[in-house]
PDB file of N, CA and C in Angstrom:
ATOM      1  N   MET A   1       0.822  -1.170   0.000  1.00  0.00           N
ATOM      2  CA  MET A   1       0.000   0.000   0.000  1.00  0.00           C
ATOM      3  C   MET A   1       0.868   1.235   0.000  1.00  0.00           C
ATOM      4  N   ASN A   2       0.532   2.182  -0.819  1.00  0.00           N
ATOM      5  CA  ASN A   2       1.273   3.424  -0.881  1.00  0.00           C
ATOM      6  C   ASN A   2       0.409   4.536  -0.329  1.00  0.00           C
ATOM      7  N   HIS A   3       0.789   5.062   0.854  1.00  0.00           N
ATOM      8  CA  HIS A   3       0.025   6.122   1.488  1.00  0.00           C
ATOM      9  C   HIS A   3       0.724   7.471   1.357  1.00  0.00           C
ATOM     10  N   GLU A   4       1.848   7.539   0.651  1.00  0.00           N
ATOM     11  CA  GLU A   4       2.648   8.755   0.622  1.00  0.00           C
ATOM     12  C   GLU A   4       1.906   9.945   0.028  1.00  0.00           C
ATOM     13  N   ALA A   5       1.122   9.742  -1.021  1.00  0.00           N
ATOM     14  CA  ALA A   5       0.463  10.852  -1.681  1.00  0.00           C
ATOM     15  C   ALA A   5      -0.936  11.117  -1.144  1.00  0.00           C
ATOM     16  N   THR A   6      -1.386  10.321  -0.197  1.00  0.00           N
ATOM     17  CA  THR A   6      -2.730  10.462   0.330  1.00  0.00           C
ATOM     18  C   THR A   6      -2.710  11.327   1.578  1.00  0.00           C
ATOM     19  N   PRO A   7      -3.511  12.399   1.619  1.00  0.00           N
ATOM     20  CA  PRO A   7      -3.560  13.228   2.832  1.00  0.00           C
ATOM     21  C   PRO A   7      -4.001  12.402   4.028  1.00  0.00           C
ATOM     22  N   ILE A   8      -3.447  12.693   5.192  1.00  0.00           N
ATOM     23  CA  ILE A   8      -3.733  11.911   6.384  1.00  0.00           C
ATOM     24  C   ILE A   8      -5.222  11.906   6.703  1.00  0.00           C
ATOM     25  N   GLU A   9      -5.944  13.002   6.452  1.00  0.00           N
ATOM     26  CA  GLU A   9      -7.364  13.054   6.766  1.00  0.00           C
ATOM     27  C   GLU A   9      -8.156  12.016   5.979  1.00  0.00           C
ATOM     28  N   GLU A  10      -7.700  11.630   4.809  1.00  0.00           N
ATOM     29  CA  GLU A  10      -8.412  10.669   3.987  1.00  0.00           C
ATOM     30  C   GLU A  10      -8.074   9.228   4.342  1.00  0.00           C
ATOM     31  N   ARG A  11      -6.955   9.001   5.036  1.00  0.00           N
ATOM     32  CA  ARG A  11      -6.565   7.628   5.315  1.00  0.00           C
ATOM     33  C   ARG A  11      -6.631   7.274   6.794  1.00  0.00           C
ATOM     34  N   VAL A  12      -7.177   8.142   7.623  1.00  0.00           N
ATOM     35  CA  VAL A  12      -7.234   7.888   9.045  1.00  0.00           C
ATOM     36  C   VAL A  12      -8.648   7.471   9.430  1.00  0.00           C
ATOM     37  N   PRO A  13      -8.838   6.175   9.778  1.00  0.00           N
ATOM     38  CA  PRO A  13     -10.155   5.726  10.210  1.00  0.00           C
ATOM     39  C   PRO A  13     -10.533   6.364  11.532  1.00  0.00           C
ATOM     40  N   GLN A  14     -11.786   6.706  11.697  1.00  0.00           N
ATOM     41  CA  GLN A  14     -12.298   7.229  12.952  1.00  0.00           C
ATOM     42  C   GLN A  14     -12.991   6.100  13.693  1.00  0.00           C
ATOM     43  N   VAL A  15     -12.670   5.915  14.952  1.00  0.00           N
ATOM     44  CA  VAL A  15     -13.294   4.867  15.746  1.00  0.00           C
ATOM     45  C   VAL A  15     -13.859   5.468  17.017  1.00  0.00           C
ATOM     46  N   GLY A  16     -14.719   4.721  17.662  1.00  0.00           N
ATOM     47  CA  GLY A  16     -15.291   5.188  18.922  1.00  0.00           C
ATOM     48  C   GLY A  16     -16.258   6.322  18.726  1.00  0.00           C
ATOM     49  N   ASP A  17     -17.100   6.259  17.685  1.00  0.00           N
ATOM     50  CA  ASP A  17     -17.991   7.350  17.363  1.00  0.00           C
ATOM     51  C   ASP A  17     -19.338   7.273  18.086  1.00  0.00           C
ATOM     52  N   ALA A  18     -19.420   6.576  19.195  1.00  0.00           N
ATOM     53  CA  ALA A  18     -20.656   6.521  19.957  1.00  0.00           C
ATOM     54  C   ALA A  18     -20.934   7.892  20.567  1.00  0.00           C
ATOM     55  N   ASP A  19     -22.156   8.101  21.055  1.00  0.00           N
ATOM     56  CA  ASP A  19     -22.520   9.388  21.642  1.00  0.00           C
ATOM     57  C   ASP A  19     -21.634   9.749  22.821  1.00  0.00           C
ATOM     58  N   THR A  20     -21.324   8.758  23.652  1.00  0.00           N
ATOM     59  CA  THR A  20     -20.410   8.990  24.770  1.00  0.00           C
ATOM     60  C   THR A  20     -19.527   7.782  24.935  1.00  0.00           C
ATOM     61  N   ASP A  21     -18.482   7.942  25.705  1.00  0.00           N
ATOM     62  CA  ASP A  21     -17.568   6.826  25.946  1.00  0.00           C
ATOM     63  C   ASP A  21     -17.679   6.300  27.369  1.00  0.00           C
ATOM     64  N   GLY A  22     -18.814   6.571  28.010  1.00  0.00           N
ATOM     65  CA  GLY A  22     -19.004   6.131  29.378  1.00  0.00           C
ATOM     66  C   GLY A  22     -18.642   7.196  30.397  1.00  0.00           C
ATOM     67  N   THR A  23     -18.034   8.289  29.944  1.00  0.00           N
ATOM     68  CA  THR A  23     -17.690   9.377  30.855  1.00  0.00           C
ATOM     69  C   THR A  23     -18.726  10.487  30.800  1.00  0.00           C
ATOM     70  N   GLY A  24     -19.680  10.382  29.873  1.00  0.00           N
ATOM     71  CA  GLY A  24     -20.690  11.412  29.724  1.00  0.00           C
ATOM     72  C   GLY A  24     -20.234  12.576  28.873  1.00  0.00           C
ATOM     73  N   GLN A  25     -19.033  12.487  28.325  1.00  0.00           N
ATOM     74  CA  GLN A  25     -18.518  13.561  27.486  1.00  0.00           C
ATOM     75  C   GLN A  25     -18.754  13.231  26.026  1.00  0.00           C
ATOM     76  N   ALA A  26     -19.012  14.245  25.232  1.00  0.00           N
ATOM     77  CA  ALA A  26     -19.271  14.055  23.810  1.00  0.00           C
ATOM     78  C   ALA A  26     -17.994  13.719  23.073  1.00  0.00           C
ATOM     79  N   PRO A  27     -18.099  12.922  21.975  1.00  0.00           N
ATOM     80  CA  PRO A  27     -16.908  12.632  21.185  1.00  0.00           C
ATOM     81  C   PRO A  27     -16.371  13.892  20.533  1.00  0.00           C
ATOM     82  N   GLY A  28     -15.111  13.853  20.158  1.00  0.00           N
ATOM     83  CA  GLY A  28     -14.503  14.989  19.488  1.00  0.00           C
ATOM     84  C   GLY A  28     -13.821  15.931  20.461  1.00  0.00           C
ATOM     85  N   ARG A  29     -13.947  15.698  21.770  1.00  0.00           N
ATOM     86  CA  ARG A  29     -13.327  16.584  22.744  1.00  0.00           C
ATOM     87  C   ARG A  29     -11.811  16.486  22.687  1.00  0.00           C
ATOM     88  N   ALA A  30     -11.314  15.319  22.320  1.00  0.00           N
ATOM     89  CA  ALA A  30      -9.875  15.104  22.180  1.00  0.00           C
ATOM     90  C   ALA A  30      -9.676  13.977  21.188  1.00  0.00           C
ATOM     91  N   THR A  31      -8.566  14.002  20.513  1.00  0.00           N
ATOM     92  CA  THR A  31      -8.244  12.936  19.580  1.00  0.00           C
ATOM     93  C   THR A  31      -6.951  12.291  20.031  1.00  0.00           C
ATOM     94  N   PHE A  32      -6.998  10.977  20.170  1.00  0.00           N
ATOM     95  CA  PHE A  32      -5.824  10.209  20.547  1.00  0.00           C
ATOM     96  C   PHE A  32      -5.347   9.475  19.306  1.00  0.00           C
ATOM     97  N   VAL A  33      -4.061   9.501  19.071  1.00  0.00           N
ATOM     98  CA  VAL A  33      -3.477   8.982  17.843  1.00  0.00           C
ATOM     99  C   VAL A  33      -2.575   7.804  18.165  1.00  0.00           C
ATOM    100  N   PHE A  34      -2.637   6.779  17.304  1.00  0.00           N
ATOM    101  CA  PHE A  34      -1.700   5.672  17.403  1.00  0.00           C
ATOM    102  C   PHE A  34      -1.320   5.238  15.994  1.00  0.00           C
ATOM    103  N   GLU A  35      -0.207   4.570  15.881  1.00  0.00           N
ATOM    104  CA  GLU A  35       0.328   4.176  14.582  1.00  0.00           C
ATOM    105  C   GLU A  35       0.512   2.662  14.544  1.00  0.00           C
ATOM    106  N   VAL A  36       0.088   2.065  13.433  1.00  0.00           N
ATOM    107  CA  VAL A  36       0.280   0.632  13.219  1.00  0.00           C
ATOM    108  C   VAL A  36       0.971   0.461  11.883  1.00  0.00           C
ATOM    109  N   GLU A  37       2.195  -0.016  11.904  1.00  0.00           N
ATOM    110  CA  GLU A  37       2.995  -0.270  10.704  1.00  0.00           C
ATOM    111  C   GLU A  37       2.969   0.904   9.719  1.00  0.00           C
ATOM    112  N   GLY A  38       3.152   2.108  10.245  1.00  0.00           N
ATOM    113  CA  GLY A  38       3.252   3.283   9.394  1.00  0.00           C
ATOM    114  C   GLY A  38       1.935   3.966   9.072  1.00  0.00           C
ATOM    115  N   THR A  39       0.805   3.402   9.432  1.00  0.00           N
ATOM    116  CA  THR A  39      -0.493   4.022   9.195  1.00  0.00           C
ATOM    117  C   THR A  39      -0.986   4.621  10.500  1.00  0.00           C
ATOM    118  N   VAL A  40      -1.409   5.875  10.455  1.00  0.00           N
ATOM    119  CA  VAL A  40      -1.866   6.585  11.642  1.00  0.00           C
ATOM    120  C   VAL A  40      -3.378   6.433  11.774  1.00  0.00           C
ATOM    121  N   PHE A  41      -3.828   6.136  12.999  1.00  0.00           N
ATOM    122  CA  PHE A  41      -5.247   5.996  13.312  1.00  0.00           C
ATOM    123  C   PHE A  41      -5.608   6.980  14.409  1.00  0.00           C
ATOM    124  N   LYS A  42      -6.846   7.482  14.394  1.00  0.00           N
ATOM    125  CA  LYS A  42      -7.341   8.369  15.445  1.00  0.00           C
ATOM    126  C   LYS A  42      -8.444   7.658  16.217  1.00  0.00           C
ATOM    127  N   HIS A  43      -8.501   7.961  17.497  1.00  0.00           N
ATOM    128  CA  HIS A  43      -9.500   7.370  18.380  1.00  0.00           C
ATOM    129  C   HIS A  43      -9.926   8.458  19.356  1.00  0.00           C
ATOM    130  N   ASN A  44     -11.212   8.538  19.711  1.00  0.00           N
ATOM    131  CA  ASN A  44     -11.642   9.644  20.571  1.00  0.00           C
ATOM    132  C   ASN A  44     -11.659   9.297  22.057  1.00  0.00           C
ATOM    133  N   ARG A  45     -11.108   8.158  22.422  1.00  0.00           N
ATOM    134  CA  ARG A  45     -10.983   7.787  23.835  1.00  0.00           C
ATOM    135  C   ARG A  45      -9.511   7.509  24.136  1.00  0.00           C
ATOM    136  N   PRO A  46      -9.081   7.693  25.378  1.00  0.00           N
ATOM    137  CA  PRO A  46      -7.667   7.478  25.704  1.00  0.00           C
ATOM    138  C   PRO A  46      -7.267   6.016  25.827  1.00  0.00           C
ATOM    139  N   ARG A  47      -8.261   5.103  25.751  1.00  0.00           N
ATOM    140  CA  ARG A  47      -7.962   3.671  25.866  1.00  0.00           C
ATOM    141  C   ARG A  47      -8.620   2.903  24.730  1.00  0.00           C
ATOM    142  N   ILE A  48      -7.977   1.802  24.335  1.00  0.00           N
ATOM    143  CA  ILE A  48      -8.478   0.936  23.277  1.00  0.00           C
ATOM    144  C   ILE A  48      -7.939  -0.462  23.561  1.00  0.00           C
ATOM    145  N   THR A  49      -8.620  -1.500  23.098  1.00  0.00           N
ATOM    146  CA  THR A  49      -8.107  -2.855  23.322  1.00  0.00           C
ATOM    147  C   THR A  49      -7.202  -3.276  22.168  1.00  0.00           C
ATOM    148  N   GLY A  50      -6.362  -4.245  22.439  1.00  0.00           N
ATOM    149  CA  GLY A  50      -5.500  -4.791  21.394  1.00  0.00           C
ATOM    150  C   GLY A  50      -6.321  -5.349  20.242  1.00  0.00           C
ATOM    151  N   GLY A  51      -7.457  -5.985  20.543  1.00  0.00           N
ATOM    152  CA  GLY A  51      -8.332  -6.523  19.507  1.00  0.00           C
ATOM    153  C   GLY A  51      -8.898  -5.453  18.602  1.00  0.00           C
ATOM    154  N   GLU A  52      -9.282  -4.308  19.174  1.00  0.00           N
ATOM    155  CA  GLU A  52      -9.793  -3.198  18.363  1.00  0.00           C
ATOM    156  C   GLU A  52      -8.701  -2.671  17.432  1.00  0.00           C
ATOM    157  N   ILE A  53      -7.484  -2.590  17.942  1.00  0.00           N
ATOM    158  CA  ILE A  53      -6.362  -2.133  17.110  1.00  0.00           C
ATOM    159  C   ILE A  53      -6.144  -3.093  15.948  1.00  0.00           C
ATOM    160  N   MET A  54      -6.138  -4.398  16.242  1.00  0.00           N
ATOM    161  CA  MET A  54      -5.929  -5.393  15.185  1.00  0.00           C
ATOM    162  C   MET A  54      -7.039  -5.334  14.149  1.00  0.00           C
ATOM    163  N   ASP A  55      -8.292  -5.169  14.592  1.00  0.00           N
ATOM    164  CA  ASP A  55      -9.411  -5.079  13.657  1.00  0.00           C
ATOM    165  C   ASP A  55      -9.262  -3.864  12.746  1.00  0.00           C
ATOM    166  N   LEU A  56      -8.926  -2.719  13.313  1.00  0.00           N
ATOM    167  CA  LEU A  56      -8.773  -1.497  12.518  1.00  0.00           C
ATOM    168  C   LEU A  56      -7.631  -1.609  11.511  1.00  0.00           C
ATOM    169  N   ALA A  57      -6.548  -2.248  11.929  1.00  0.00           N
ATOM    170  CA  ALA A  57      -5.357  -2.348  11.082  1.00  0.00           C
ATOM    171  C   ALA A  57      -5.419  -3.527  10.118  1.00  0.00           C
ATOM    172  N   GLY A  58      -6.454  -4.357  10.224  1.00  0.00           N
ATOM    173  CA  GLY A  58      -6.571  -5.501   9.332  1.00  0.00           C
ATOM    174  C   GLY A  58      -5.611  -6.623   9.675  1.00  0.00           C
ATOM    175  N   ILE A  59      -5.253  -6.728  10.936  1.00  0.00           N
ATOM    176  CA  ILE A  59      -4.344  -7.777  11.393  1.00  0.00           C
ATOM    177  C   ILE A  59      -5.190  -8.905  11.979  1.00  0.00           C
ATOM    178  N   PRO A  60      -5.041 -10.125  11.480  1.00  0.00           N
ATOM    179  CA  PRO A  60      -5.798 -11.249  12.053  1.00  0.00           C
ATOM    180  C   PRO A  60      -5.448 -11.416  13.534  1.00  0.00           C
ATOM    181  N   ARG A  61      -6.461 -11.615  14.348  1.00  0.00           N
ATOM    182  CA  ARG A  61      -6.225 -11.737  15.802  1.00  0.00           C
ATOM    183  C   ARG A  61      -5.315 -12.898  16.148  1.00  0.00           C
ATOM    184  N   GLU A  62      -5.355 -13.972  15.340  1.00  0.00           N
ATOM    185  CA  GLU A  62      -4.478 -15.113  15.636  1.00  0.00           C
ATOM    186  C   GLU A  62      -3.013 -14.788  15.355  1.00  0.00           C
ATOM    187  N   GLN A  63      -2.744 -13.763  14.559  1.00  0.00           N
ATOM    188  CA  GLN A  63      -1.359 -13.379  14.287  1.00  0.00           C
ATOM    189  C   GLN A  63      -0.765 -12.613  15.463  1.00  0.00           C
ATOM    190  N   GLY A  64      -1.561 -11.805  16.116  1.00  0.00           N
ATOM    191  CA  GLY A  64      -1.096 -11.089  17.292  1.00  0.00           C
ATOM    192  C   GLY A  64      -0.590  -9.693  16.991  1.00  0.00           C
ATOM    193  N   LEU A  65      -0.238  -8.988  18.061  1.00  0.00           N
ATOM    194  CA  LEU A  65       0.162  -7.586  17.975  1.00  0.00           C
ATOM    195  C   LEU A  65       1.276  -7.347  18.985  1.00  0.00           C
ATOM    196  N   ILE A  66       2.243  -6.530  18.616  1.00  0.00           N
ATOM    197  CA  ILE A  66       3.271  -6.122  19.572  1.00  0.00           C
ATOM    198  C   ILE A  66       3.307  -4.603  19.621  1.00  0.00           C
ATOM    199  N   GLN A  67       3.644  -4.085  20.793  1.00  0.00           N
ATOM    200  CA  GLN A  67       3.777  -2.650  20.983  1.00  0.00           C
ATOM    201  C   GLN A  67       5.248  -2.301  21.034  1.00  0.00           C
ATOM    202  N   ILE A  68       5.610  -1.242  20.330  1.00  0.00           N
ATOM    203  CA  ILE A  68       6.979  -0.747  20.360  1.00  0.00           C
ATOM    204  C   ILE A  68       7.035   0.313  21.455  1.00  0.00           C
ATOM    205  N   ASN A  69       7.766   0.030  22.510  1.00  0.00           N
ATOM    206  CA  ASN A  69       7.853   0.930  23.657  1.00  0.00           C
ATOM    207  C   ASN A  69       8.795   2.093  23.364  1.00  0.00           C
ATOM    208  N   PRO A  70       8.649   3.207  24.097  1.00  0.00           N
ATOM    209  CA  PRO A  70       9.504   4.382  23.854  1.00  0.00           C
ATOM    210  C   PRO A  70      10.993   4.098  23.946  1.00  0.00           C
ATOM    211  N   ASP A  71      11.388   3.092  24.743  1.00  0.00           N
ATOM    212  CA  ASP A  71      12.808   2.781  24.880  1.00  0.00           C
ATOM    213  C   ASP A  71      13.316   1.819  23.809  1.00  0.00           C
ATOM    214  N   GLY A  72      12.432   1.462  22.838  1.00  0.00           N
ATOM    215  CA  GLY A  72      12.836   0.595  21.741  1.00  0.00           C
ATOM    216  C   GLY A  72      12.540  -0.876  21.969  1.00  0.00           C
ATOM    217  N   THR A  73      12.169  -1.244  23.183  1.00  0.00           N
ATOM    218  CA  THR A  73      11.814  -2.630  23.451  1.00  0.00           C
ATOM    219  C   THR A  73      10.400  -2.901  22.938  1.00  0.00           C
ATOM    220  N   THR A  74      10.017  -4.154  22.880  1.00  0.00           N
ATOM    221  CA  THR A  74       8.682  -4.512  22.420  1.00  0.00           C
ATOM    222  C   THR A  74       7.977  -5.349  23.479  1.00  0.00           C
ATOM    223  N   SER A  75       6.652  -5.331  23.432  1.00  0.00           N
ATOM    224  CA  SER A  75       5.864  -6.172  24.324  1.00  0.00           C
ATOM    225  C   SER A  75       4.630  -6.651  23.580  1.00  0.00           C
ATOM    226  N   SER A  76       4.203  -7.872  23.880  1.00  0.00           N
ATOM    227  CA  SER A  76       3.017  -8.438  23.253  1.00  0.00           C
ATOM    228  C   SER A  76       1.774  -7.760  23.812  1.00  0.00           C
ATOM    229  N   VAL A  77       0.762  -7.613  22.940  1.00  0.00           N
ATOM    230  CA  VAL A  77      -0.513  -7.031  23.343  1.00  0.00           C
ATOM    231  C   VAL A  77      -1.593  -8.058  23.036  1.00  0.00           C
ATOM    232  N   ALA A  78      -2.302  -8.510  24.068  1.00  0.00           N
ATOM    233  CA  ALA A  78      -3.382  -9.479  23.887  1.00  0.00           C
ATOM    234  C   ALA A  78      -4.622  -8.782  23.359  1.00  0.00           C
ATOM    235  N   ALA A  79      -5.491  -9.533  22.700  1.00  0.00           N
ATOM    236  CA  ALA A  79      -6.704  -8.964  22.112  1.00  0.00           C
ATOM    237  C   ALA A  79      -7.587  -8.295  23.160  1.00  0.00           C
ATOM    238  N   ASP A  80      -7.630  -8.832  24.370  1.00  0.00           N
ATOM    239  CA  ASP A  80      -8.482  -8.250  25.406  1.00  0.00           C
ATOM    240  C   ASP A  80      -7.743  -7.276  26.324  1.00  0.00           C
ATOM    241  N   GLN A  81      -6.485  -7.011  26.025  1.00  0.00           N
ATOM    242  CA  GLN A  81      -5.672  -6.102  26.838  1.00  0.00           C
ATOM    243  C   GLN A  81      -5.980  -4.653  26.486  1.00  0.00           C
ATOM    244  N   GLU A  82      -6.156  -3.830  27.504  1.00  0.00           N
ATOM    245  CA  GLU A  82      -6.426  -2.412  27.287  1.00  0.00           C
ATOM    246  C   GLU A  82      -5.103  -1.662  27.124  1.00  0.00           C
ATOM    247  N   VAL A  83      -5.065  -0.772  26.142  1.00  0.00           N
ATOM    248  CA  VAL A  83      -3.869   0.003  25.838  1.00  0.00           C
ATOM    249  C   VAL A  83      -4.182   1.482  26.056  1.00  0.00           C
ATOM    250  N   HIS A  84      -3.278   2.196  26.704  1.00  0.00           N
ATOM    251  CA  HIS A  84      -3.430   3.634  26.905  1.00  0.00           C
ATOM    252  C   HIS A  84      -2.786   4.345  25.718  1.00  0.00           C
ATOM    253  N   LEU A  85      -3.494   5.277  25.124  1.00  0.00           N
ATOM    254  CA  LEU A  85      -3.024   5.942  23.909  1.00  0.00           C
ATOM    255  C   LEU A  85      -2.252   7.224  24.169  1.00  0.00           C
ATOM    256  N   VAL A  86      -1.732   7.412  25.366  1.00  0.00           N
ATOM    257  CA  VAL A  86      -0.924   8.584  25.671  1.00  0.00           C
ATOM    258  C   VAL A  86       0.376   8.084  26.267  1.00  0.00           C
ATOM    259  N   PRO A  87       1.549   8.453  25.808  1.00  0.00           N
ATOM    260  CA  PRO A  87       1.805   9.177  24.566  1.00  0.00           C
ATOM    261  C   PRO A  87       1.558   8.294  23.352  1.00  0.00           C
ATOM    262  N   LYS A  88       1.689   8.859  22.179  1.00  0.00           N
ATOM    263  CA  LYS A  88       1.383   8.172  20.913  1.00  0.00           C
ATOM    264  C   LYS A  88       2.114   6.832  20.802  1.00  0.00           C
ATOM    265  N   PRO A  89       1.392   5.726  20.969  1.00  0.00           N
ATOM    266  CA  PRO A  89       2.037   4.415  20.865  1.00  0.00           C
ATOM    267  C   PRO A  89       2.179   3.943  19.421  1.00  0.00           C
ATOM    268  N   GLN A  90       3.114   3.060  19.215  1.00  0.00           N
ATOM    269  CA  GLN A  90       3.329   2.458  17.905  1.00  0.00           C
ATOM    270  C   GLN A  90       3.202   0.953  18.035  1.00  0.00           C
ATOM    271  N   PHE A  91       2.616   0.328  17.001  1.00  0.00           N
ATOM    272  CA  PHE A  91       2.391  -1.110  17.000  1.00  0.00           C
ATOM    273  C   PHE A  91       2.792  -1.696  15.662  1.00  0.00           C
ATOM    274  N   LYS A  92       2.996  -3.003  15.652  1.00  0.00           N
ATOM    275  CA  LYS A  92       3.161  -3.734  14.402  1.00  0.00           C
ATOM    276  C   LYS A  92       2.708  -5.160  14.646  1.00  0.00           C
ATOM    277  N   ARG A  93       2.405  -5.831  13.536  1.00  0.00           N
ATOM    278  CA  ARG A  93       1.972  -7.219  13.674  1.00  0.00           C
ATOM    279  C   ARG A  93       3.128  -8.062  14.165  1.00  0.00           C
ATOM    280  N   ARG A  94       2.796  -9.085  14.903  1.00  0.00           N
ATOM    281  CA  ARG A  94       3.810  -9.997  15.424  1.00  0.00           C
ATOM    282  C   ARG A  94       4.441 -10.727  14.254  1.00  0.00           C
ATOM    283  N   PRO A  95       5.766 -10.817  14.177  1.00  0.00           N
ATOM    284  CA  PRO A  95       6.406 -11.501  13.051  1.00  0.00           C
ATOM    285  C   PRO A  95       6.117 -12.995  13.079  1.00  0.00           C
ATOM    286  N   ARG A  96       6.015 -13.561  11.902  1.00  0.00           N
ATOM    287  CA  ARG A  96       5.829 -15.017  11.767  1.00  0.00           C
ATOM    288  C   ARG A  96       7.195 -15.640  11.529  1.00  0.00           C
ATOM    289  N   PHE A  97       7.436 -16.728  12.192  1.00  0.00           N
ATOM    290  CA  PHE A  97       8.709 -17.422  12.015  1.00  0.00           C
ATOM    291  C   PHE A  97       8.468 -18.687  11.203  1.00  0.00           C
ATOM    292  N   LYS A  98       9.293 -18.896  10.201  1.00  0.00           N
ATOM    293  CA  LYS A  98       9.186 -20.069   9.352  1.00  0.00           C
ATOM    294  C   LYS A  98      10.466 -20.873   9.476  1.00  0.00           C
ATOM    295  N   ARG A  99      10.298 -22.178   9.487  1.00  0.00           N
ATOM    296  CA  ARG A  99      11.465 -23.046   9.527  1.00  0.00           C
ATOM    297  C   ARG A  99      11.941 -23.322   8.109  1.00  0.00           C
ATOM    298  N   GLY A 100      13.211 -23.514   7.996  1.00  0.00           N
ATOM    299  CA  GLY A 100      13.752 -23.943   6.719  1.00  0.00           C
ATOM    300  C   GLY A 100      14.366 -22.903   5.990  1.00  0.00           C
TER     301      GLY A 100
END
Protein backbone atom coordinates (compact mmCIF):
# COMPACT_ATOMS: atom_id res chain seq x y z
CA MET A 1 0.00 0.00 0.00
CA ASN A 2 1.27 3.42 -0.88
CA HIS A 3 0.03 6.12 1.49
CA GLU A 4 2.65 8.75 0.62
CA ALA A 5 0.46 10.85 -1.68
CA THR A 6 -2.73 10.46 0.33
CA PRO A 7 -3.56 13.23 2.83
CA ILE A 8 -3.73 11.91 6.38
CA GLU A 9 -7.36 13.05 6.77
CA GLU A 10 -8.41 10.67 3.99
CA ARG A 11 -6.57 7.63 5.31
CA VAL A 12 -7.23 7.89 9.05
CA PRO A 13 -10.15 5.73 10.21
CA GLN A 14 -12.30 7.23 12.95
CA VAL A 15 -13.29 4.87 15.75
CA GLY A 16 -15.29 5.19 18.92
CA ASP A 17 -17.99 7.35 17.36
CA ALA A 18 -20.66 6.52 19.96
CA ASP A 19 -22.52 9.39 21.64
CA THR A 20 -20.41 8.99 24.77
CA ASP A 21 -17.57 6.83 25.95
CA GLY A 22 -19.00 6.13 29.38
CA THR A 23 -17.69 9.38 30.86
CA GLY A 24 -20.69 11.41 29.72
CA GLN A 25 -18.52 13.56 27.49
CA ALA A 26 -19.27 14.06 23.81
CA PRO A 27 -16.91 12.63 21.18
CA GLY A 28 -14.50 14.99 19.49
CA ARG A 29 -13.33 16.58 22.74
CA ALA A 30 -9.88 15.10 22.18
CA THR A 31 -8.24 12.94 19.58
CA PHE A 32 -5.82 10.21 20.55
CA VAL A 33 -3.48 8.98 17.84
CA PHE A 34 -1.70 5.67 17.40
CA GLU A 35 0.33 4.18 14.58
CA VAL A 36 0.28 0.63 13.22
CA GLU A 37 2.99 -0.27 10.70
CA GLY A 38 3.25 3.28 9.39
CA THR A 39 -0.49 4.02 9.19
CA VAL A 40 -1.87 6.59 11.64
CA PHE A 41 -5.25 6.00 13.31
CA LYS A 42 -7.34 8.37 15.45
CA HIS A 43 -9.50 7.37 18.38
CA ASN A 44 -11.64 9.64 20.57
CA ARG A 45 -10.98 7.79 23.84
CA PRO A 46 -7.67 7.48 25.70
CA ARG A 47 -7.96 3.67 25.87
CA ILE A 48 -8.48 0.94 23.28
CA THR A 49 -8.11 -2.85 23.32
CA GLY A 50 -5.50 -4.79 21.39
CA GLY A 51 -8.33 -6.52 19.51
CA GLU A 52 -9.79 -3.20 18.36
CA ILE A 53 -6.36 -2.13 17.11
CA MET A 54 -5.93 -5.39 15.18
CA ASP A 55 -9.41 -5.08 13.66
CA LEU A 56 -8.77 -1.50 12.52
CA ALA A 57 -5.36 -2.35 11.08
CA GLY A 58 -6.57 -5.50 9.33
CA ILE A 59 -4.34 -7.78 11.39
CA PRO A 60 -5.80 -11.25 12.05
CA ARG A 61 -6.23 -11.74 15.80
CA GLU A 62 -4.48 -15.11 15.64
CA GLN A 63 -1.36 -13.38 14.29
CA GLY A 64 -1.10 -11.09 17.29
CA LEU A 65 0.16 -7.59 17.98
CA ILE A 66 3.27 -6.12 19.57
CA GLN A 67 3.78 -2.65 20.98
CA ILE A 68 6.98 -0.75 20.36
CA ASN A 69 7.85 0.93 23.66
CA PRO A 70 9.50 4.38 23.85
CA ASP A 71 12.81 2.78 24.88
CA GLY A 72 12.84 0.59 21.74
CA THR A 73 11.81 -2.63 23.45
CA THR A 74 8.68 -4.51 22.42
CA SER A 75 5.86 -6.17 24.32
CA SER A 76 3.02 -8.44 23.25
CA VAL A 77 -0.51 -7.03 23.34
CA ALA A 78 -3.38 -9.48 23.89
CA ALA A 79 -6.70 -8.96 22.11
CA ASP A 80 -8.48 -8.25 25.41
CA GLN A 81 -5.67 -6.10 26.84
CA GLU A 82 -6.43 -2.41 27.29
CA VAL A 83 -3.87 0.00 25.84
CA HIS A 84 -3.43 3.63 26.91
CA LEU A 85 -3.02 5.94 23.91
CA VAL A 86 -0.92 8.58 25.67
CA PRO A 87 1.80 9.18 24.57
CA LYS A 88 1.38 8.17 20.91
CA PRO A 89 2.04 4.41 20.86
CA GLN A 90 3.33 2.46 17.90
CA PHE A 91 2.39 -1.11 17.00
CA LYS A 92 3.16 -3.73 14.40
CA ARG A 93 1.97 -7.22 13.67
CA ARG A 94 3.81 -10.00 15.42
CA PRO A 95 6.41 -11.50 13.05
CA ARG A 96 5.83 -15.02 11.77
CA PHE A 97 8.71 -17.42 12.02
CA LYS A 98 9.19 -20.07 9.35
CA ARG A 99 11.46 -23.05 9.53
CA GLY A 100 13.75 -23.94 6.72
